[in-house]
């Protein structure tokens, strides 16, 4: 009886964790619209993306901050030691100047967690397979 209760609890816990992960996944289509509206003025993604007012964001996940060759980064960004992960990107999108003090990025931040998830889901579509 005790083993059955433990097994039931473990299954409930796993189901809860998997559904939390599913909820945490963003909507790439909504992220594309958001990117176009709030990021696209400075950043590019896609096959012909290049640095302009901001660096191109292809293959951003796992990339060290300040490391693309087609953009002139601030010394703060180049020396930040940040590696772009879901966690660091989330924190940066929420409050850029708190994550990299001295960054030149002019963006006040985005506080809506779902919009951030959507944006990250969109950027994830530009990761190499």
N, C-alpha and C. Protein backbone atom coordinates (compact mmCIF):
# COMPACT_ATOMS: atom_id res chain seq x y z
N UNK A 1 0.82 -1.19 0.00
CA UNK A 1 0.00 0.00 0.00
C UNK A 1 0.87 1.26 0.00
N UNK A 2 1.90 1.24 0.87
CA UNK A 2 2.80 2.39 0.96
C UNK A 2 3.51 2.62 -0.37
N UNK A 3 3.95 1.54 -1.02
CA UNK A 3 4.63 1.67 -2.31
C UNK A 3 3.70 2.25 -3.37
N UNK A 4 2.44 1.87 -3.34
CA UNK A 4 1.48 2.40 -4.30
C UNK A 4 1.29 3.90 -4.11
N UNK A 5 1.26 4.33 -2.86
CA UNK A 5 1.11 5.77 -2.57
C UNK A 5 2.33 6.54 -3.07
N UNK A 6 3.51 5.99 -2.84
CA UNK A 6 4.75 6.64 -3.29
C UNK A 6 4.77 6.70 -4.81
N UNK A 7 4.40 5.60 -5.46
CA UNK A 7 4.37 5.56 -6.92
C UNK A 7 3.37 6.56 -7.48
N UNK A 8 2.19 6.65 -6.86
CA UNK A 8 1.18 7.62 -7.29
C UNK A 8 1.70 9.03 -7.14
N UNK A 9 2.33 9.33 -6.00
CA UNK A 9 2.89 10.66 -5.76
C UNK A 9 3.96 10.98 -6.80
N UNK A 10 4.82 10.01 -7.09
CA UNK A 10 5.89 10.23 -8.08
C UNK A 10 5.29 10.51 -9.46
N UNK A 11 4.25 9.76 -9.84
CA UNK A 11 3.61 10.01 -11.12
C UNK A 11 2.96 11.38 -11.17
N UNK A 12 2.31 11.78 -10.07
CA UNK A 12 1.69 13.11 -10.03
C UNK A 12 2.75 14.19 -10.14
N UNK A 13 3.87 14.00 -9.45
CA UNK A 13 4.96 14.97 -9.48
C UNK A 13 5.52 15.09 -10.89
N UNK A 14 5.78 13.94 -11.54
CA UNK A 14 6.29 13.97 -12.91
C UNK A 14 5.32 14.63 -13.86
N UNK A 15 4.04 14.31 -13.74
CA UNK A 15 3.03 14.92 -14.60
C UNK A 15 3.01 16.43 -14.40
N UNK A 16 3.09 16.86 -13.16
CA UNK A 16 3.12 18.30 -12.86
C UNK A 16 4.34 18.98 -13.44
N UNK A 17 5.48 18.33 -13.33
CA UNK A 17 6.70 18.92 -13.86
C UNK A 17 6.64 19.01 -15.38
N UNK A 18 6.16 17.95 -16.03
CA UNK A 18 6.07 18.00 -17.48
C UNK A 18 5.09 19.06 -17.95
N UNK A 19 3.98 19.21 -17.26
CA UNK A 19 3.02 20.23 -17.69
C UNK A 19 3.56 21.62 -17.41
N UNK A 20 4.37 21.79 -16.36
CA UNK A 20 4.98 23.10 -16.12
C UNK A 20 5.95 23.43 -17.25
N UNK A 21 6.71 22.43 -17.72
CA UNK A 21 7.62 22.68 -18.82
C UNK A 21 6.86 23.04 -20.08
N UNK A 22 5.73 22.37 -20.31
CA UNK A 22 4.94 22.68 -21.48
C UNK A 22 4.39 24.10 -21.40
N UNK A 23 3.98 24.52 -20.22
CA UNK A 23 3.46 25.87 -20.06
C UNK A 23 4.55 26.92 -20.25
N UNK A 24 5.79 26.54 -19.90
CA UNK A 24 6.89 27.49 -19.99
C UNK A 24 7.32 27.72 -21.44
N UNK A 25 6.93 26.84 -22.34
CA UNK A 25 7.31 27.00 -23.73
C UNK A 25 6.50 28.12 -24.36
N UNK A 26 7.17 28.94 -25.09
CA UNK A 26 6.49 30.08 -25.70
C UNK A 26 5.92 29.77 -27.07
N UNK A 27 5.25 30.73 -27.61
CA UNK A 27 4.63 30.67 -28.93
C UNK A 27 5.53 31.44 -29.90
N UNK A 28 6.21 30.69 -30.77
CA UNK A 28 7.18 31.31 -31.69
C UNK A 28 6.52 32.31 -32.62
N UNK A 29 5.29 32.05 -33.04
CA UNK A 29 4.60 32.98 -33.94
C UNK A 29 4.33 34.31 -33.23
N UNK A 30 3.87 34.23 -31.99
CA UNK A 30 3.67 35.46 -31.21
C UNK A 30 5.01 36.14 -30.95
N UNK A 31 6.06 35.33 -30.74
CA UNK A 31 7.39 35.87 -30.53
C UNK A 31 7.92 36.60 -31.75
N UNK A 32 7.57 36.11 -32.94
CA UNK A 32 7.99 36.78 -34.18
C UNK A 32 7.37 38.17 -34.26
N UNK A 33 6.10 38.27 -33.95
CA UNK A 33 5.42 39.57 -33.98
C UNK A 33 6.04 40.52 -32.96
N UNK A 34 6.33 40.00 -31.78
CA UNK A 34 6.94 40.83 -30.74
C UNK A 34 8.35 41.26 -31.16
N UNK A 35 9.12 40.32 -31.71
CA UNK A 35 10.47 40.64 -32.17
C UNK A 35 10.43 41.76 -33.21
N UNK A 36 9.53 41.63 -34.18
CA UNK A 36 9.41 42.64 -35.23
C UNK A 36 9.09 44.01 -34.62
N UNK A 37 8.22 44.01 -33.63
CA UNK A 37 7.77 45.28 -33.04
C UNK A 37 8.79 45.92 -32.10
N UNK A 38 9.44 45.11 -31.24
CA UNK A 38 10.31 45.74 -30.24
C UNK A 38 11.80 45.49 -30.40
N UNK A 39 12.17 44.50 -31.21
CA UNK A 39 13.60 44.18 -31.35
C UNK A 39 14.12 44.44 -32.77
N UNK A 40 13.24 44.29 -33.74
CA UNK A 40 13.63 44.31 -35.15
C UNK A 40 14.20 45.62 -35.64
N UNK A 41 14.01 46.70 -34.92
CA UNK A 41 14.60 47.97 -35.33
C UNK A 41 16.11 47.97 -35.19
N UNK A 42 16.62 47.12 -34.31
CA UNK A 42 18.07 47.07 -34.07
C UNK A 42 18.70 45.72 -34.37
N UNK A 43 17.94 44.64 -34.21
CA UNK A 43 18.47 43.28 -34.37
C UNK A 43 17.86 42.59 -35.57
N UNK A 44 18.63 41.67 -36.14
CA UNK A 44 18.17 40.86 -37.26
C UNK A 44 18.36 39.38 -36.93
N UNK A 45 17.54 38.54 -37.55
CA UNK A 45 17.68 37.09 -37.49
C UNK A 45 17.39 36.54 -38.88
N UNK A 46 17.82 35.35 -39.15
CA UNK A 46 17.55 34.72 -40.44
C UNK A 46 18.81 34.57 -41.28
N UNK A 47 18.64 34.01 -42.46
CA UNK A 47 19.79 33.67 -43.30
C UNK A 47 20.63 34.88 -43.71
N UNK A 48 20.03 36.02 -43.90
CA UNK A 48 20.80 37.20 -44.33
C UNK A 48 21.05 38.18 -43.18
N UNK A 49 20.84 37.74 -41.95
CA UNK A 49 21.01 38.63 -40.79
C UNK A 49 22.46 39.08 -40.65
N UNK A 50 22.59 40.33 -40.24
CA UNK A 50 23.92 40.89 -39.97
C UNK A 50 23.76 41.93 -38.87
N UNK A 51 24.86 42.32 -38.27
CA UNK A 51 24.83 43.37 -37.28
C UNK A 51 24.50 44.70 -37.90
N UNK A 52 23.72 45.49 -37.21
CA UNK A 52 23.42 46.84 -37.67
C UNK A 52 23.44 47.75 -36.44
N UNK A 53 22.30 48.21 -35.97
CA UNK A 53 22.28 49.00 -34.73
C UNK A 53 22.51 48.10 -33.51
N UNK A 54 22.28 46.82 -33.69
CA UNK A 54 22.53 45.80 -32.67
C UNK A 54 23.05 44.56 -33.37
N UNK A 55 23.60 43.60 -32.63
CA UNK A 55 24.13 42.39 -33.26
C UNK A 55 23.01 41.51 -33.81
N UNK A 56 23.34 40.69 -34.80
CA UNK A 56 22.39 39.69 -35.28
C UNK A 56 22.25 38.63 -34.18
N UNK A 57 21.08 38.01 -34.13
CA UNK A 57 20.77 37.11 -33.01
C UNK A 57 20.62 35.65 -33.41
N UNK A 58 21.11 35.26 -34.59
CA UNK A 58 21.12 33.85 -34.96
C UNK A 58 22.01 33.09 -33.98
N UNK A 59 21.62 31.88 -33.63
CA UNK A 59 22.41 31.00 -32.76
C UNK A 59 22.81 31.68 -31.46
N UNK A 60 21.89 32.46 -30.88
CA UNK A 60 22.20 33.21 -29.67
C UNK A 60 22.39 32.30 -28.45
N UNK A 61 21.63 31.20 -28.37
CA UNK A 61 21.71 30.33 -27.20
C UNK A 61 23.05 29.60 -27.18
N UNK A 62 23.78 29.76 -26.08
CA UNK A 62 25.10 29.15 -25.93
C UNK A 62 26.24 30.03 -26.39
N UNK A 63 25.93 31.19 -26.95
CA UNK A 63 26.95 32.09 -27.48
C UNK A 63 27.44 33.02 -26.37
N UNK A 64 28.74 33.24 -26.28
CA UNK A 64 29.24 34.24 -25.33
C UNK A 64 28.82 35.65 -25.76
N UNK A 65 28.45 36.46 -24.81
CA UNK A 65 28.07 37.85 -25.10
C UNK A 65 29.23 38.59 -25.74
N UNK A 66 28.92 39.43 -26.70
CA UNK A 66 29.94 40.27 -27.33
C UNK A 66 30.87 39.52 -28.26
N UNK A 67 30.41 38.43 -28.86
CA UNK A 67 31.34 37.59 -29.62
C UNK A 67 31.13 37.53 -31.13
N UNK A 68 30.07 38.13 -31.67
CA UNK A 68 29.95 38.08 -33.13
C UNK A 68 30.94 39.07 -33.74
N UNK A 69 31.36 38.80 -34.94
CA UNK A 69 32.40 39.62 -35.56
C UNK A 69 31.85 40.78 -36.38
N UNK A 70 30.53 40.80 -36.58
CA UNK A 70 29.96 41.85 -37.45
C UNK A 70 29.30 42.97 -36.66
N UNK A 71 29.70 43.15 -35.42
CA UNK A 71 29.11 44.22 -34.61
C UNK A 71 30.16 44.73 -33.63
N UNK A 72 30.15 46.04 -33.39
CA UNK A 72 31.08 46.66 -32.44
C UNK A 72 30.41 46.75 -31.08
N UNK A 73 30.73 45.83 -30.19
CA UNK A 73 30.13 45.77 -28.87
C UNK A 73 30.77 46.77 -27.91
N UNK A 74 30.02 47.14 -26.89
CA UNK A 74 30.58 47.97 -25.82
C UNK A 74 31.60 47.13 -25.06
N UNK A 75 32.53 47.80 -24.41
CA UNK A 75 33.51 47.05 -23.60
C UNK A 75 32.81 46.32 -22.46
N UNK A 76 31.71 46.88 -21.96
CA UNK A 76 30.96 46.22 -20.89
C UNK A 76 30.42 44.87 -21.37
N UNK A 77 29.89 44.83 -22.58
CA UNK A 77 29.34 43.58 -23.11
C UNK A 77 30.46 42.58 -23.38
N UNK A 78 31.55 43.05 -24.01
CA UNK A 78 32.65 42.15 -24.35
C UNK A 78 33.28 41.54 -23.11
N UNK A 79 33.32 42.28 -22.02
CA UNK A 79 33.98 41.77 -20.81
C UNK A 79 32.99 41.23 -19.77
N UNK A 80 31.73 41.09 -20.14
CA UNK A 80 30.70 40.67 -19.17
C UNK A 80 30.85 39.22 -18.71
N UNK A 81 31.39 38.37 -19.54
CA UNK A 81 31.49 36.96 -19.20
C UNK A 81 30.16 36.20 -19.31
N UNK A 82 29.14 36.86 -19.83
CA UNK A 82 27.82 36.24 -19.95
C UNK A 82 27.81 35.25 -21.11
N UNK A 83 27.22 34.10 -20.86
CA UNK A 83 26.90 33.13 -21.92
C UNK A 83 25.38 33.17 -22.05
N UNK A 84 24.88 33.34 -23.25
CA UNK A 84 23.44 33.48 -23.44
C UNK A 84 22.73 32.13 -23.35
N UNK A 85 21.98 31.99 -22.28
CA UNK A 85 21.12 30.82 -22.04
C UNK A 85 19.70 31.35 -21.89
N UNK A 86 18.73 30.46 -21.75
CA UNK A 86 17.35 30.91 -21.51
C UNK A 86 17.31 31.79 -20.27
N UNK A 87 18.06 31.41 -19.24
CA UNK A 87 18.04 32.16 -17.98
C UNK A 87 18.68 33.53 -18.13
N UNK A 88 19.86 33.58 -18.75
CA UNK A 88 20.53 34.87 -18.89
C UNK A 88 19.79 35.79 -19.86
N UNK A 89 19.24 35.20 -20.93
CA UNK A 89 18.46 36.03 -21.86
C UNK A 89 17.19 36.55 -21.20
N UNK A 90 16.53 35.72 -20.41
CA UNK A 90 15.33 36.17 -19.70
C UNK A 90 15.67 37.34 -18.79
N UNK A 91 16.73 37.19 -18.01
CA UNK A 91 17.14 38.27 -17.10
C UNK A 91 17.52 39.53 -17.89
N UNK A 92 18.22 39.35 -19.01
CA UNK A 92 18.65 40.49 -19.81
C UNK A 92 17.46 41.20 -20.45
N UNK A 93 16.52 40.44 -20.97
CA UNK A 93 15.33 41.04 -21.58
C UNK A 93 14.52 41.79 -20.53
N UNK A 94 14.49 41.28 -19.30
CA UNK A 94 13.76 41.95 -18.22
C UNK A 94 14.45 43.25 -17.80
N UNK A 95 15.77 43.23 -17.70
CA UNK A 95 16.51 44.40 -17.20
C UNK A 95 17.94 44.38 -17.74
N UNK A 96 18.14 44.83 -18.97
CA UNK A 96 19.47 44.75 -19.60
C UNK A 96 20.60 45.37 -18.78
N UNK A 97 20.37 46.53 -18.23
CA UNK A 97 21.45 47.24 -17.54
C UNK A 97 21.78 46.63 -16.18
N UNK A 98 20.89 45.77 -15.66
CA UNK A 98 21.22 45.05 -14.43
C UNK A 98 22.09 43.84 -14.71
N UNK A 99 21.89 43.21 -15.86
CA UNK A 99 22.68 42.04 -16.23
C UNK A 99 24.05 42.46 -16.76
N UNK A 100 24.07 43.49 -17.59
CA UNK A 100 25.34 44.00 -18.13
C UNK A 100 25.37 45.51 -17.90
N UNK A 101 25.82 45.94 -16.72
CA UNK A 101 25.93 47.38 -16.48
C UNK A 101 26.88 48.01 -17.50
N UNK A 102 26.46 49.11 -18.08
CA UNK A 102 27.28 49.78 -19.08
C UNK A 102 26.97 49.35 -20.51
N UNK A 103 25.97 48.45 -20.69
CA UNK A 103 25.61 48.08 -22.05
C UNK A 103 25.08 49.30 -22.80
N UNK A 104 25.29 49.32 -24.10
CA UNK A 104 24.77 50.42 -24.91
C UNK A 104 23.33 50.17 -25.37
N UNK A 105 22.80 48.99 -25.09
CA UNK A 105 21.45 48.67 -25.56
C UNK A 105 20.45 49.61 -24.91
N UNK A 106 19.67 50.27 -25.74
CA UNK A 106 18.65 51.20 -25.26
C UNK A 106 17.32 50.47 -25.27
N UNK A 107 17.02 49.86 -24.14
CA UNK A 107 15.78 49.10 -23.99
C UNK A 107 15.48 49.06 -22.50
N UNK A 108 14.28 49.45 -22.12
CA UNK A 108 13.93 49.53 -20.70
C UNK A 108 13.64 48.18 -20.09
N UNK A 109 13.36 47.19 -20.92
CA UNK A 109 13.08 45.86 -20.41
C UNK A 109 11.64 45.46 -20.68
N UNK A 110 11.40 44.18 -20.55
CA UNK A 110 10.09 43.60 -20.77
C UNK A 110 9.76 42.75 -19.56
N UNK A 111 8.65 43.04 -18.89
CA UNK A 111 8.36 42.36 -17.63
C UNK A 111 7.37 41.21 -17.76
N UNK A 112 6.70 41.05 -18.89
CA UNK A 112 5.70 40.00 -19.05
C UNK A 112 6.39 38.66 -19.35
N UNK A 113 6.34 37.70 -18.41
CA UNK A 113 7.03 36.42 -18.61
C UNK A 113 6.56 35.67 -19.85
N UNK A 114 5.29 35.74 -20.19
CA UNK A 114 4.80 35.02 -21.38
C UNK A 114 5.37 35.64 -22.65
N UNK A 115 5.45 36.96 -22.70
CA UNK A 115 6.02 37.61 -23.88
C UNK A 115 7.50 37.25 -24.01
N UNK A 116 8.20 37.17 -22.89
CA UNK A 116 9.61 36.77 -22.93
C UNK A 116 9.73 35.34 -23.44
N UNK A 117 8.88 34.44 -22.96
CA UNK A 117 8.89 33.05 -23.43
C UNK A 117 8.61 32.98 -24.93
N UNK A 118 7.67 33.79 -25.39
CA UNK A 118 7.36 33.82 -26.82
C UNK A 118 8.56 34.29 -27.63
N UNK A 119 9.20 35.33 -27.15
CA UNK A 119 10.37 35.87 -27.82
C UNK A 119 11.50 34.83 -27.87
N UNK A 120 11.73 34.15 -26.75
CA UNK A 120 12.77 33.12 -26.72
C UNK A 120 12.42 31.95 -27.63
N UNK A 121 11.14 31.59 -27.69
CA UNK A 121 10.72 30.51 -28.60
C UNK A 121 11.01 30.90 -30.05
N UNK A 122 10.77 32.15 -30.39
CA UNK A 122 11.08 32.63 -31.75
C UNK A 122 12.58 32.59 -32.01
N UNK A 123 13.37 33.08 -31.08
CA UNK A 123 14.83 33.07 -31.26
C UNK A 123 15.36 31.64 -31.36
N UNK A 124 14.71 30.72 -30.66
CA UNK A 124 15.13 29.32 -30.70
C UNK A 124 15.02 28.75 -32.11
N UNK A 125 14.12 29.29 -32.92
CA UNK A 125 13.96 28.79 -34.29
C UNK A 125 15.17 29.14 -35.17
N UNK A 126 16.07 29.97 -34.67
CA UNK A 126 17.26 30.37 -35.43
C UNK A 126 18.52 29.72 -34.87
N UNK A 127 18.35 28.65 -34.10
CA UNK A 127 19.48 27.86 -33.60
C UNK A 127 19.83 26.82 -34.66
N UNK A 128 21.10 26.49 -34.83
CA UNK A 128 21.46 25.43 -35.75
C UNK A 128 20.90 24.09 -35.26
N UNK A 129 20.51 23.26 -36.18
CA UNK A 129 19.93 21.95 -35.80
C UNK A 129 20.97 20.93 -35.55
